[in-house]
């Protein structure tokens, strides 16, 4: 289950207004911000990866939902160190 972290309306790491900020299993976090000219999505798996992408008003919601779903699916699997490394590489290449 994803848990809300911050109250919407606060300023995020990309200096935008936070729309959503959620944490999963005390292991990862994903934040959606509305910046002046774009949307920023910053996500991270604690101790392993942090990644930020920028998108437009047409695609931000789908991208946020897709990234969130992939992170959850990854964290729910039992993975080896090599599989984790491959996931992070593929994830960051997919969401640029």
Protein backbone atom coordinates (compact mmCIF):
# COMPACT_ATOMS: atom_id res chain seq x y z
CA UNK A 1 0.00 0.00 0.00
CA UNK A 2 1.28 3.45 -0.92
CA UNK A 3 1.21 6.04 1.86
CA UNK A 4 0.96 9.80 1.40
CA UNK A 5 4.01 11.62 2.77
CA UNK A 6 3.69 15.38 2.29
CA UNK A 7 0.70 17.62 2.06
CA UNK A 8 0.01 18.79 -1.48
CA UNK A 9 0.97 22.37 -2.12
CA UNK A 10 4.43 22.30 -0.55
CA UNK A 11 7.52 23.09 -2.65
CA UNK A 12 9.40 20.05 -3.95
CA UNK A 13 13.01 19.31 -4.85
CA UNK A 14 12.54 20.72 -8.38
CA UNK A 15 11.02 23.93 -6.95
CA UNK A 16 7.55 23.01 -8.16
CA UNK A 17 4.33 22.61 -6.22
CA UNK A 18 3.88 19.06 -4.95
CA UNK A 19 0.78 17.38 -6.32
CA UNK A 20 1.51 13.90 -4.96
CA UNK A 21 4.18 12.43 -2.69
CA UNK A 22 3.94 8.76 -1.78
CA UNK A 23 6.03 6.07 -0.11
CA UNK A 24 5.83 2.30 -0.58
CA UNK A 25 6.81 -0.26 2.07
CA UNK A 26 9.29 2.15 3.67
CA UNK A 27 11.49 1.29 0.67
CA UNK A 28 10.79 3.84 -2.05
CA UNK A 29 9.23 7.21 -2.69
CA UNK A 30 7.74 8.99 -5.68
CA UNK A 31 6.89 12.68 -5.90
CA UNK A 32 4.98 14.60 -8.58
CA UNK A 33 5.50 18.35 -8.91
CA UNK A 34 3.95 20.99 -11.14
CA UNK A 35 6.72 23.35 -12.12
CA UNK A 36 6.37 26.57 -14.07
CA UNK A 37 6.69 25.04 -17.57
CA UNK A 38 6.61 21.28 -16.98
CA UNK A 39 5.90 18.49 -14.50
CA UNK A 40 8.69 16.73 -12.59
CA UNK A 41 8.54 13.20 -11.21
CA UNK A 42 11.25 12.22 -8.76
CA UNK A 43 11.45 8.68 -7.46
CA UNK A 44 13.89 6.64 -5.51
CA UNK A 45 14.52 3.27 -3.97
CA UNK A 46 16.15 4.01 -0.64
CA UNK A 47 19.89 3.43 -0.68
CA UNK A 48 19.96 2.35 -4.31
CA UNK A 49 18.53 4.78 -6.89
CA UNK A 50 17.16 8.28 -7.36
CA UNK A 51 15.77 9.41 -10.70
CA UNK A 52 13.94 12.51 -11.94
CA UNK A 53 12.04 12.90 -15.20
CA UNK A 54 10.34 15.91 -16.74
CA UNK A 55 7.17 15.74 -18.78
CA UNK A 56 4.34 17.83 -20.18
CA UNK A 57 0.76 18.37 -19.11
CA UNK A 58 -0.53 15.66 -21.48
CA UNK A 59 1.62 12.83 -20.16
CA UNK A 60 2.46 13.49 -16.52
CA UNK A 61 -0.39 11.46 -14.97
CA UNK A 62 0.17 8.35 -17.09
CA UNK A 63 3.94 8.54 -16.55
CA UNK A 64 3.52 8.94 -12.79
CA UNK A 65 1.12 5.99 -12.61
CA UNK A 66 3.36 3.80 -14.80
CA UNK A 67 6.50 4.59 -12.79
CA UNK A 68 4.67 3.97 -9.53
CA UNK A 69 3.33 0.64 -10.78
CA UNK A 70 6.75 -0.54 -11.98
CA UNK A 71 8.40 0.41 -8.70
CA UNK A 72 5.76 -1.43 -6.71
CA UNK A 73 6.01 -4.52 -8.89
CA UNK A 74 9.81 -4.50 -8.55
CA UNK A 75 9.73 -4.14 -4.77
CA UNK A 76 7.18 -6.93 -4.42
CA UNK A 77 9.53 -9.41 -6.17
CA UNK A 78 12.39 -11.33 -4.62
CA UNK A 79 15.38 -10.18 -6.68
CA UNK A 80 19.09 -10.80 -6.80
CA UNK A 81 21.63 -7.97 -6.77
CA UNK A 82 22.14 -8.41 -10.52
CA UNK A 83 18.38 -8.24 -11.17
CA UNK A 84 18.16 -5.07 -9.07
CA UNK A 85 20.98 -3.45 -11.03
CA UNK A 86 19.30 -4.41 -14.32
CA UNK A 87 15.96 -3.01 -13.15
CA UNK A 88 17.48 0.35 -12.20
CA UNK A 89 19.29 0.60 -15.52
CA UNK A 90 16.20 -0.29 -17.57
CA UNK A 91 13.94 1.93 -15.48
CA UNK A 92 16.15 5.01 -15.83
CA UNK A 93 16.61 4.40 -19.56
CA UNK A 94 12.87 4.00 -20.08
CA UNK A 95 11.93 7.14 -18.17
CA UNK A 96 14.14 9.92 -19.50
